[in-house]
N, C-alpha and C. Protein backbone atom coordinates (compact mmCIF):
# COMPACT_ATOMS: atom_id res chain seq x y z
N UNK A 1 102.94 68.54 156.41
CA UNK A 1 103.69 69.33 155.40
C UNK A 1 104.90 68.20 154.86
N UNK A 2 105.41 67.65 155.85
CA UNK A 2 106.52 66.55 155.46
C UNK A 2 105.75 65.51 154.40
N UNK A 3 104.73 64.91 154.75
CA UNK A 3 104.09 64.00 153.93
C UNK A 3 103.65 64.64 152.56
N UNK A 4 103.30 65.86 152.55
CA UNK A 4 103.16 66.26 151.08
C UNK A 4 104.44 66.45 150.43
N UNK A 5 105.48 66.79 151.06
CA UNK A 5 106.83 66.96 150.50
C UNK A 5 107.32 65.45 149.91
N UNK A 6 107.09 64.58 150.77
CA UNK A 6 107.67 63.24 150.44
C UNK A 6 106.66 62.73 149.30
N UNK A 7 105.35 62.96 149.25
CA UNK A 7 104.48 62.68 148.26
C UNK A 7 105.06 63.24 146.75
N UNK A 8 105.43 64.63 146.88
CA UNK A 8 105.92 65.27 145.68
C UNK A 8 107.11 64.60 145.26
N UNK A 9 108.02 64.31 146.18
CA UNK A 9 109.33 63.79 145.76
C UNK A 9 109.00 62.34 145.11
N UNK A 10 108.29 61.65 145.50
CA UNK A 10 107.85 60.15 145.02
C UNK A 10 107.42 60.56 143.51
N UNK A 11 106.34 61.21 143.53
CA UNK A 11 105.61 61.64 142.15
C UNK A 11 106.69 62.27 140.98
N UNK A 12 107.59 62.98 141.56
CA UNK A 12 108.67 63.69 140.54
C UNK A 12 109.43 62.68 140.30
N UNK A 13 110.21 61.54 141.05
CA UNK A 13 110.96 60.61 140.66
C UNK A 13 110.35 59.45 139.92
N UNK A 14 108.94 59.27 140.21
CA UNK A 14 108.23 58.17 139.34
C UNK A 14 107.99 58.86 137.67
N UNK A 15 107.79 60.15 137.84
CA UNK A 15 107.74 60.84 136.62
C UNK A 15 108.82 60.72 135.81
N UNK A 16 110.10 61.05 136.44
CA UNK A 16 111.48 60.91 135.82
C UNK A 16 111.78 59.48 135.44
N UNK A 17 111.39 58.76 136.03
CA UNK A 17 111.55 57.04 135.94
C UNK A 17 110.82 56.72 134.66
N UNK A 18 109.78 57.11 134.70
CA UNK A 18 108.77 56.66 133.61
C UNK A 18 109.26 57.26 132.15
N UNK A 19 109.61 58.66 132.33
CA UNK A 19 110.30 59.34 131.02
C UNK A 19 111.42 58.74 130.60
N UNK A 20 112.40 58.11 131.67
CA UNK A 20 113.67 57.43 131.33
C UNK A 20 113.27 56.15 130.67
N UNK A 21 112.21 55.41 131.14
CA UNK A 21 111.98 54.08 130.53
C UNK A 21 111.39 54.26 129.14
N UNK A 22 110.53 55.28 128.92
CA UNK A 22 109.85 55.49 127.73
C UNK A 22 110.89 55.79 126.61
N UNK A 23 112.03 56.58 127.10
CA UNK A 23 113.04 56.92 126.22
C UNK A 23 114.05 55.95 126.06
N UNK A 24 114.28 55.19 126.72
CA UNK A 24 115.31 54.09 126.80
C UNK A 24 114.97 52.68 126.16
N UNK A 25 113.64 52.36 126.36
CA UNK A 25 113.28 51.12 126.02
C UNK A 25 112.75 50.96 124.62
N UNK A 26 113.34 50.51 123.73
CA UNK A 26 112.97 50.51 122.44
C UNK A 26 112.46 49.33 121.95
N UNK A 27 111.47 49.24 120.99
CA UNK A 27 110.73 48.05 120.58
C UNK A 27 111.70 47.07 119.86
N UNK A 28 111.48 45.84 120.04
CA UNK A 28 112.45 44.71 119.58
C UNK A 28 112.98 45.11 118.07
N UNK A 29 112.04 45.65 117.32
CA UNK A 29 112.34 45.67 115.78
C UNK A 29 113.21 46.97 115.55
N UNK A 30 113.45 47.48 116.80
CA UNK A 30 114.23 48.85 116.50
C UNK A 30 115.66 48.39 117.36
N UNK A 31 115.75 47.34 117.79
CA UNK A 31 116.91 46.79 118.78
C UNK A 31 117.46 45.49 117.99
N UNK A 32 116.94 44.73 117.18
CA UNK A 32 117.51 43.66 116.80
C UNK A 32 117.42 43.59 115.22
N UNK A 33 118.18 42.99 114.56
CA UNK A 33 118.27 42.67 113.08
C UNK A 33 117.00 41.66 113.00
N UNK A 34 116.72 41.66 111.56
CA UNK A 34 115.64 40.53 111.43
C UNK A 34 116.28 38.97 111.60
N UNK A 35 117.71 39.05 111.64
CA UNK A 35 118.25 37.85 111.73
C UNK A 35 118.36 37.24 113.19
N UNK A 36 118.26 38.35 114.13
CA UNK A 36 118.47 38.22 115.58
C UNK A 36 116.85 37.99 116.19
N UNK A 37 116.00 38.04 115.42
CA UNK A 37 114.71 37.97 116.27
C UNK A 37 114.40 36.52 116.41
N UNK A 38 113.57 36.31 117.37
CA UNK A 38 112.87 34.96 117.84
C UNK A 38 111.67 34.75 116.72
N UNK A 39 111.43 33.44 116.74
CA UNK A 39 110.40 33.17 115.81
C UNK A 39 108.96 33.76 115.90
N UNK A 40 108.72 34.03 117.52
CA UNK A 40 107.63 34.87 117.93
C UNK A 40 107.79 36.34 117.26
N UNK A 41 108.83 36.98 117.62
CA UNK A 41 108.96 38.33 117.04
C UNK A 41 109.03 38.42 115.64
N UNK A 42 109.41 37.45 114.93
CA UNK A 42 109.38 37.42 113.51
C UNK A 42 107.82 37.28 113.13
N UNK A 43 107.10 36.63 113.47
CA UNK A 43 105.76 36.37 113.20
C UNK A 43 104.99 37.44 113.38
N UNK A 44 105.37 38.19 114.57
CA UNK A 44 104.42 39.35 114.94
C UNK A 44 104.67 40.51 113.77
N UNK A 45 105.83 40.52 113.06
CA UNK A 45 106.12 41.58 112.18
C UNK A 45 105.30 41.62 111.04
N UNK A 46 104.64 40.39 110.76
CA UNK A 46 103.64 40.12 109.65
C UNK A 46 102.38 41.13 109.87
N UNK A 47 102.33 42.22 108.96
CA UNK A 47 101.43 43.21 109.24
C UNK A 47 99.84 42.57 108.91
N UNK A 48 99.64 41.45 108.26
CA UNK A 48 98.49 40.80 107.96
C UNK A 48 97.82 41.33 106.64
N UNK A 49 98.33 42.11 105.77
CA UNK A 49 97.76 42.79 104.79
C UNK A 49 97.37 41.56 103.66
N UNK A 50 97.85 40.57 103.62
CA UNK A 50 97.69 39.56 102.66
C UNK A 50 98.02 39.88 101.22
N UNK A 51 98.68 40.74 100.98
CA UNK A 51 99.34 41.06 99.65
C UNK A 51 100.08 40.06 99.21
N UNK A 52 100.77 39.30 99.99
CA UNK A 52 101.66 38.23 99.55
C UNK A 52 100.75 36.84 99.08
N UNK A 53 99.55 36.93 99.27
CA UNK A 53 98.60 35.80 98.85
C UNK A 53 97.93 36.24 97.57
N UNK A 54 98.54 37.41 96.86
CA UNK A 54 97.94 37.68 95.60
C UNK A 54 98.49 36.92 94.49
N UNK A 55 98.02 36.70 93.53
CA UNK A 55 98.71 36.15 92.29
C UNK A 55 99.61 37.14 91.76
N UNK A 56 100.63 36.96 91.26
CA UNK A 56 101.56 37.72 90.31
C UNK A 56 101.92 37.12 89.32
N UNK A 57 102.08 38.13 88.29
CA UNK A 57 102.55 37.42 86.92
C UNK A 57 103.83 38.27 86.48
N UNK A 58 104.59 37.46 85.74
CA UNK A 58 105.82 38.16 85.20
C UNK A 58 105.77 38.25 83.83
N UNK A 59 105.94 39.39 83.10
CA UNK A 59 105.87 39.61 81.75
C UNK A 59 107.17 39.28 81.23
N UNK A 60 107.32 38.10 80.50
CA UNK A 60 108.35 37.55 80.02
C UNK A 60 108.17 37.11 78.46
N UNK A 61 108.79 37.58 77.54
CA UNK A 61 108.60 37.24 76.04
C UNK A 61 108.89 35.84 75.77
N UNK A 62 109.88 35.40 76.51
CA UNK A 62 110.19 33.92 76.23
C UNK A 62 109.41 32.83 76.90
N UNK A 63 108.17 33.24 77.54
CA UNK A 63 107.23 32.21 78.13
C UNK A 63 106.50 31.59 77.25
N UNK A 64 106.45 30.24 76.97
CA UNK A 64 105.71 29.47 76.07
C UNK A 64 104.46 28.94 77.02
N UNK A 65 103.48 28.36 76.13
CA UNK A 65 102.27 27.85 76.62
C UNK A 65 102.54 26.98 78.02
N UNK A 66 103.55 26.04 77.92
CA UNK A 66 103.89 25.06 78.91
C UNK A 66 104.46 25.94 80.17
N UNK A 67 105.01 26.91 80.16
CA UNK A 67 105.73 27.56 81.14
C UNK A 67 105.07 28.76 81.65
N UNK A 68 104.08 29.11 81.03
CA UNK A 68 103.27 30.36 81.38
C UNK A 68 102.59 30.50 82.67
N UNK A 69 102.11 29.46 83.28
CA UNK A 69 101.67 29.48 84.54
C UNK A 69 102.54 28.63 85.72
N UNK A 70 103.52 28.43 85.31
CA UNK A 70 104.68 27.74 86.02
C UNK A 70 105.01 28.75 87.27
N UNK A 71 105.20 28.35 88.68
CA UNK A 71 105.67 29.29 89.65
C UNK A 71 107.18 29.48 89.32
N UNK A 72 107.69 30.52 89.88
CA UNK A 72 109.15 30.81 89.83
C UNK A 72 109.66 31.32 91.13
N UNK A 73 110.97 31.10 91.45
CA UNK A 73 111.61 31.59 92.44
C UNK A 73 112.64 32.80 92.47
N UNK A 74 112.44 33.35 90.98
CA UNK A 74 113.23 34.31 90.68
C UNK A 74 112.85 35.24 89.73
N UNK A 75 113.45 36.44 89.39
CA UNK A 75 113.18 37.16 88.40
C UNK A 75 114.45 37.57 87.59
N UNK A 76 114.16 37.52 86.39
CA UNK A 76 115.34 37.90 85.35
C UNK A 76 115.47 39.37 84.99
N UNK A 77 116.54 39.62 84.86
CA UNK A 77 116.80 41.11 84.41
C UNK A 77 115.95 41.40 83.15
N UNK A 78 115.15 42.46 83.09
CA UNK A 78 114.24 42.88 81.97
C UNK A 78 112.87 42.34 82.18
N UNK A 79 112.75 41.55 83.08
CA UNK A 79 111.21 41.02 83.39
C UNK A 79 110.54 41.98 84.29
N UNK A 80 109.39 42.13 84.12
CA UNK A 80 108.40 42.88 85.11
C UNK A 80 107.20 42.15 85.76
N UNK A 81 107.46 42.38 86.94
CA UNK A 81 106.32 41.58 87.68
C UNK A 81 104.88 42.35 87.83
N UNK A 82 103.92 41.91 87.66
CA UNK A 82 102.70 42.61 87.95
C UNK A 82 101.71 41.95 89.16
N UNK A 83 100.95 42.65 90.02
CA UNK A 83 100.12 42.18 90.87
C UNK A 83 98.75 42.01 90.33
N UNK A 84 98.12 41.20 90.99
CA UNK A 84 96.61 40.90 90.51
C UNK A 84 95.69 41.09 91.69
N UNK A 85 94.50 41.03 91.45
CA UNK A 85 93.57 41.17 92.66
C UNK A 85 93.06 39.77 92.96
N UNK A 86 93.79 38.70 92.31
CA UNK A 86 93.27 37.41 92.46
C UNK A 86 93.97 36.65 93.64
N UNK A 87 93.42 36.24 94.68
CA UNK A 87 93.92 35.74 95.85
C UNK A 87 93.76 34.20 95.93
N UNK A 88 94.67 33.60 96.66
CA UNK A 88 94.60 32.32 96.85
C UNK A 88 93.37 31.80 97.62
N UNK A 89 92.78 30.68 97.31
CA UNK A 89 91.47 30.21 97.63
C UNK A 89 91.45 29.89 99.10
N UNK A 90 92.52 29.89 99.63
CA UNK A 90 92.69 29.84 101.18
C UNK A 90 92.39 31.07 101.94
N UNK A 91 92.64 32.26 101.43
CA UNK A 91 92.53 33.32 101.86
C UNK A 91 91.11 33.73 102.54
N UNK A 92 91.10 34.18 103.78
CA UNK A 92 89.43 34.60 104.24
C UNK A 92 89.64 36.18 103.89
N UNK A 93 88.81 36.54 103.01
CA UNK A 93 88.84 37.94 102.66
C UNK A 93 88.40 38.89 103.54
N UNK A 94 87.89 38.42 104.77
CA UNK A 94 87.30 39.50 105.61
C UNK A 94 88.54 39.71 106.64
N UNK A 95 89.14 38.67 107.09
CA UNK A 95 90.18 38.76 108.07
C UNK A 95 91.59 38.91 107.61
N UNK A 96 91.55 38.67 106.23
CA UNK A 96 92.83 38.74 105.45
C UNK A 96 93.94 37.47 105.96
N UNK A 97 93.46 36.60 106.72
CA UNK A 97 94.37 35.49 107.24
C UNK A 97 94.13 34.15 106.43
N UNK A 98 95.07 33.48 106.28
CA UNK A 98 95.01 31.99 105.70
C UNK A 98 94.00 31.18 106.49
N UNK A 99 92.97 30.52 105.83
CA UNK A 99 92.12 29.74 106.46
C UNK A 99 92.78 28.36 106.81
N UNK A 100 93.98 28.25 106.25
CA UNK A 100 94.68 26.85 106.60
C UNK A 100 96.11 26.93 106.96
N UNK A 101 96.54 28.07 107.60
CA UNK A 101 97.89 28.58 107.85
C UNK A 101 99.02 27.47 108.13
N UNK A 102 98.61 26.61 108.97
CA UNK A 102 99.60 25.65 109.28
C UNK A 102 99.94 24.81 108.25
N UNK A 103 98.92 24.48 107.46
CA UNK A 103 98.96 23.34 106.20
C UNK A 103 99.14 24.04 105.02
N UNK A 104 99.16 25.44 104.77
CA UNK A 104 99.08 25.99 103.63
C UNK A 104 100.21 25.60 102.52
N UNK A 105 101.30 25.21 102.85
CA UNK A 105 102.30 24.91 101.87
C UNK A 105 102.18 23.40 101.48
N UNK A 106 101.26 22.60 102.18
CA UNK A 106 101.07 21.28 101.67
C UNK A 106 99.72 21.37 100.82
N UNK A 107 98.93 22.42 101.13
CA UNK A 107 97.63 22.58 100.11
C UNK A 107 97.99 23.39 98.88
N UNK A 108 99.04 24.27 99.24
CA UNK A 108 99.20 25.16 97.89
C UNK A 108 100.76 24.99 98.02
N UNK A 109 101.42 24.01 97.13
CA UNK A 109 102.85 23.83 97.19
C UNK A 109 103.74 25.04 96.76
N UNK A 110 103.39 26.00 96.11
CA UNK A 110 104.05 27.03 95.82
C UNK A 110 103.84 28.42 96.65
N UNK A 111 103.26 28.15 97.80
CA UNK A 111 102.99 29.13 98.90
C UNK A 111 104.39 29.30 99.42
N UNK A 112 104.84 30.27 99.59
CA UNK A 112 106.36 30.64 100.33
C UNK A 112 106.03 30.87 101.75
N UNK A 113 106.80 30.08 102.58
CA UNK A 113 106.90 30.33 103.92
C UNK A 113 108.12 31.22 103.96
N UNK A 114 107.85 32.42 104.54
CA UNK A 114 108.86 33.66 104.61
C UNK A 114 109.57 33.50 105.97
N UNK A 115 110.98 33.41 105.73
CA UNK A 115 111.69 33.32 106.98
C UNK A 115 113.05 34.25 106.85
N UNK A 116 113.85 34.29 107.76
CA UNK A 116 114.94 34.97 107.84
C UNK A 116 115.85 34.76 106.95
N UNK A 117 115.96 33.42 106.66
CA UNK A 117 116.73 32.83 105.63
C UNK A 117 116.43 33.08 104.27
N UNK A 118 115.23 33.27 103.79
CA UNK A 118 114.88 33.32 102.32
C UNK A 118 114.44 34.87 102.08
N UNK A 119 114.42 35.73 102.89
CA UNK A 119 113.75 37.17 102.90
C UNK A 119 114.36 37.79 101.54
N UNK A 120 115.64 37.72 101.50
CA UNK A 120 116.41 38.51 100.36
C UNK A 120 116.03 38.06 99.24
N UNK A 121 115.80 36.52 98.96
CA UNK A 121 115.50 36.04 97.71
C UNK A 121 113.87 36.10 97.34
N UNK A 122 113.09 36.77 98.28
CA UNK A 122 111.81 36.84 98.06
C UNK A 122 111.31 38.07 97.38
N UNK A 123 111.40 38.06 96.07
CA UNK A 123 111.46 39.39 95.22
C UNK A 123 109.90 39.85 95.10
N UNK A 124 109.05 39.11 95.49
CA UNK A 124 107.63 39.46 95.18
C UNK A 124 106.75 40.13 96.26
N UNK A 125 107.56 40.40 97.38
CA UNK A 125 107.04 41.15 98.57
C UNK A 125 106.52 42.51 98.17
N UNK A 126 105.51 43.02 98.70
CA UNK A 126 105.04 44.40 98.05
C UNK A 126 105.90 45.28 98.84
N UNK A 127 106.19 46.59 98.18
CA UNK A 127 106.84 47.78 98.98
C UNK A 127 106.41 48.02 100.48
N UNK A 128 105.18 47.83 100.80
CA UNK A 128 104.53 48.02 101.93
C UNK A 128 104.79 46.88 103.15
N UNK A 129 105.27 45.76 102.56
CA UNK A 129 105.36 44.65 103.53
C UNK A 129 106.66 45.12 104.48
N UNK A 130 106.02 44.87 105.86
CA UNK A 130 106.94 45.20 107.17
C UNK A 130 108.26 44.46 106.91
N UNK A 131 108.23 43.22 106.67
CA UNK A 131 109.50 42.54 106.40
C UNK A 131 110.30 43.13 105.56
N UNK A 132 109.92 43.47 104.35
CA UNK A 132 110.73 44.35 103.12
C UNK A 132 111.05 45.83 103.76
N UNK A 133 110.04 46.45 104.40
CA UNK A 133 110.46 47.69 104.87
C UNK A 133 111.74 47.63 106.00
N UNK A 134 111.54 46.74 106.90
CA UNK A 134 112.79 46.59 107.87
C UNK A 134 114.05 46.32 107.17
N UNK A 135 113.76 45.28 106.12
CA UNK A 135 115.27 44.84 105.55
C UNK A 135 115.76 46.04 104.73
N UNK A 136 115.05 46.98 104.20
CA UNK A 136 115.37 47.94 103.40
C UNK A 136 115.57 49.12 104.47
N UNK A 137 115.51 49.15 105.75
CA UNK A 137 115.83 50.34 106.62
C UNK A 137 114.69 51.13 106.75
N UNK A 138 113.52 50.94 106.43
CA UNK A 138 112.34 51.91 106.28
C UNK A 138 111.78 52.06 107.47
N UNK A 139 111.69 50.82 108.26
CA UNK A 139 110.92 50.83 109.87
C UNK A 139 109.54 50.33 109.56
N UNK A 140 108.66 50.30 110.60
CA UNK A 140 107.41 49.78 110.60
C UNK A 140 106.51 50.85 110.17
N UNK A 141 105.50 50.65 109.36
CA UNK A 141 104.63 51.83 108.97
C UNK A 141 103.58 52.00 110.09
N UNK A 142 103.06 53.28 109.98
CA UNK A 142 102.19 53.92 111.09
C UNK A 142 100.92 52.87 111.25
N UNK A 143 100.57 52.23 110.55
CA UNK A 143 99.45 51.45 110.36
C UNK A 143 99.41 50.12 110.80
N UNK A 144 100.77 49.71 111.15
CA UNK A 144 100.94 48.26 111.64
C UNK A 144 100.21 47.99 112.89
N UNK A 145 99.85 46.81 113.03
CA UNK A 145 99.13 46.38 114.06
C UNK A 145 99.99 46.49 115.56
N UNK A 146 101.29 46.24 115.39
CA UNK A 146 102.14 46.47 116.69
C UNK A 146 102.12 47.96 117.11
N UNK A 147 101.99 48.89 116.27
CA UNK A 147 101.81 50.06 116.57
C UNK A 147 100.40 50.70 117.03
N UNK A 148 99.35 49.95 116.99
CA UNK A 148 98.17 50.05 117.01
C UNK A 148 97.33 48.97 117.99
N UNK A 149 97.92 48.85 119.14
CA UNK A 149 97.59 47.84 120.39
C UNK A 149 97.04 46.43 119.73
N UNK A 150 97.89 45.96 118.72
CA UNK A 150 97.79 44.57 118.33
C UNK A 150 96.55 44.53 117.33
N UNK A 151 95.80 45.65 116.82
CA UNK A 151 94.67 45.58 116.09
C UNK A 151 94.93 45.74 114.70
N UNK A 152 94.41 45.12 113.71
CA UNK A 152 94.56 45.42 112.24
C UNK A 152 93.67 46.65 111.76
N UNK A 153 92.97 47.28 112.51
CA UNK A 153 91.87 47.97 111.96
C UNK A 153 92.57 49.27 111.27
N UNK A 154 93.75 49.83 111.87
CA UNK A 154 94.16 50.97 111.10
C UNK A 154 94.88 50.45 109.80
N UNK A 155 95.33 49.30 109.70
CA UNK A 155 95.77 48.88 108.44
C UNK A 155 94.69 48.90 107.26
N UNK A 156 93.62 48.38 107.67
CA UNK A 156 92.29 48.17 106.94
C UNK A 156 91.77 49.47 106.57
N UNK A 157 91.66 50.34 107.55
CA UNK A 157 91.32 51.75 107.33
C UNK A 157 92.20 52.47 106.54
N UNK A 158 93.50 52.33 106.53
CA UNK A 158 94.53 52.93 105.74
C UNK A 158 94.32 52.47 104.10
N UNK A 159 93.82 51.34 104.15
CA UNK A 159 93.54 50.65 102.60
C UNK A 159 94.65 49.96 102.31
N UNK A 160 95.37 49.39 103.21
CA UNK A 160 96.86 48.78 103.00
C UNK A 160 96.67 47.32 103.00
N UNK A 161 95.43 46.65 103.25
CA UNK A 161 95.18 45.12 103.16
C UNK A 161 94.45 44.89 101.79
N UNK A 162 94.11 43.56 101.60
CA UNK A 162 93.22 43.29 100.28
C UNK A 162 91.91 43.20 100.61
N UNK A 163 91.42 43.63 101.91
CA UNK A 163 90.07 43.53 102.16
C UNK A 163 89.25 44.50 101.17
N UNK A 164 88.24 43.61 100.65
CA UNK A 164 87.32 44.15 99.76
C UNK A 164 87.82 44.48 98.57
N UNK A 165 89.01 44.00 98.14
CA UNK A 165 89.56 44.25 96.74
C UNK A 165 89.95 43.12 95.92
N UNK A 166 89.52 41.79 96.58
CA UNK A 166 89.94 40.55 95.72
C UNK A 166 88.75 39.66 95.28
N UNK A 167 89.57 38.90 94.39
CA UNK A 167 88.68 37.65 94.04
C UNK A 167 89.37 36.35 94.19
N UNK A 168 88.80 35.33 94.50
CA UNK A 168 89.63 34.13 94.68
C UNK A 168 90.08 33.48 93.37
N UNK A 169 91.07 32.83 93.52
CA UNK A 169 91.61 32.13 92.09
C UNK A 169 90.68 31.09 91.83
N UNK A 170 89.98 30.52 92.66
CA UNK A 170 88.81 29.50 92.37
C UNK A 170 87.65 29.97 91.63
N UNK A 171 87.61 31.37 91.52
CA UNK A 171 86.42 32.01 90.89
C UNK A 171 86.68 32.69 89.64
N UNK A 172 87.98 32.43 89.17
CA UNK A 172 88.44 33.22 87.80
C UNK A 172 88.80 32.26 87.07
N UNK A 173 88.50 32.30 85.69
CA UNK A 173 88.78 31.56 84.61
C UNK A 173 90.31 31.93 84.35
N UNK A 174 91.11 31.06 84.06
CA UNK A 174 92.48 30.91 83.81
C UNK A 174 92.69 32.16 82.51
N UNK A 175 91.87 32.02 81.59
CA UNK A 175 92.07 33.05 80.41
C UNK A 175 91.63 34.26 80.70
N UNK A 176 91.15 34.79 82.01
CA UNK A 176 90.98 35.82 82.28
C UNK A 176 91.78 36.58 83.47
N UNK A 177 92.74 35.82 83.64
CA UNK A 177 93.65 36.37 84.82
C UNK A 177 94.24 37.86 84.52
N UNK A 178 94.65 38.02 83.01
CA UNK A 178 95.17 39.28 82.79
C UNK A 178 94.33 40.37 83.08
N UNK A 179 93.00 40.12 83.04
CA UNK A 179 91.92 41.15 83.37
C UNK A 179 92.05 41.72 84.70
N UNK A 180 92.80 41.08 85.56
CA UNK A 180 92.77 41.41 87.02
C UNK A 180 94.07 41.88 87.41
N UNK A 181 94.88 42.26 86.49
CA UNK A 181 96.07 43.17 86.91
C UNK A 181 95.76 44.46 87.48
N UNK A 182 96.40 44.84 88.60
CA UNK A 182 96.12 45.97 89.48
C UNK A 182 97.53 46.65 89.85
N UNK A 183 97.42 47.93 90.25
CA UNK A 183 98.74 48.31 90.91
C UNK A 183 98.47 48.65 92.45
N UNK A 184 97.31 48.62 93.01
CA UNK A 184 97.20 49.26 94.35
C UNK A 184 98.15 48.35 95.26
N UNK A 185 98.55 47.12 95.12
CA UNK A 185 99.23 46.48 95.95
C UNK A 185 100.69 47.05 96.15
N UNK A 186 101.09 47.93 95.17
CA UNK A 186 102.26 48.66 95.31
C UNK A 186 102.20 49.97 95.97
N UNK A 187 101.18 50.24 96.62
CA UNK A 187 100.93 51.62 97.32
C UNK A 187 101.76 51.28 98.67
N UNK A 188 102.44 52.39 99.13
CA UNK A 188 103.00 52.43 100.44
C UNK A 188 102.81 53.70 101.03
N UNK A 189 102.00 54.02 101.97
CA UNK A 189 101.76 55.36 102.15
C UNK A 189 102.65 56.09 103.27
N UNK A 190 103.56 55.40 104.06
CA UNK A 190 104.42 56.05 104.80
C UNK A 190 105.91 55.36 105.11
């Protein structure tokens, strides 16, 4: 009888302790600001949707033939940005990962390396981007790999990645770019 009572007390305390730990230990993205995160934590926030690898266009009446396809690091008042379904030639369209991640900024000079220091100035991140969501105080989306055992399948199933929706920039004639403007990258489901 005493052994049964001791086993009960141990189980009860274990249950209380696990409930305490579950309620008290919060994930790093709820405890730290983006600025406070380590590089490893920062990198793990990338949901892997690859929407940042899509070509975007800014509708601007003052654009000339010489400046039309030039990259920009800002958007002016009155300008509107449009997303396309045209992705960088380095993007693996099945995994939604860059095939040359470490060398991407050398191979594609206008590829932006998102950091804590430049996040506020990167205006082209889609509304569903986890970095943008956290910056805006909206939290991590339910489909994020960090909330799904590190697996991107929930993101793909929710339709939040570029998988199955893109063409490579190396496959599209520059005169046809306007035919590829889409709105689905602006979707954000929660």
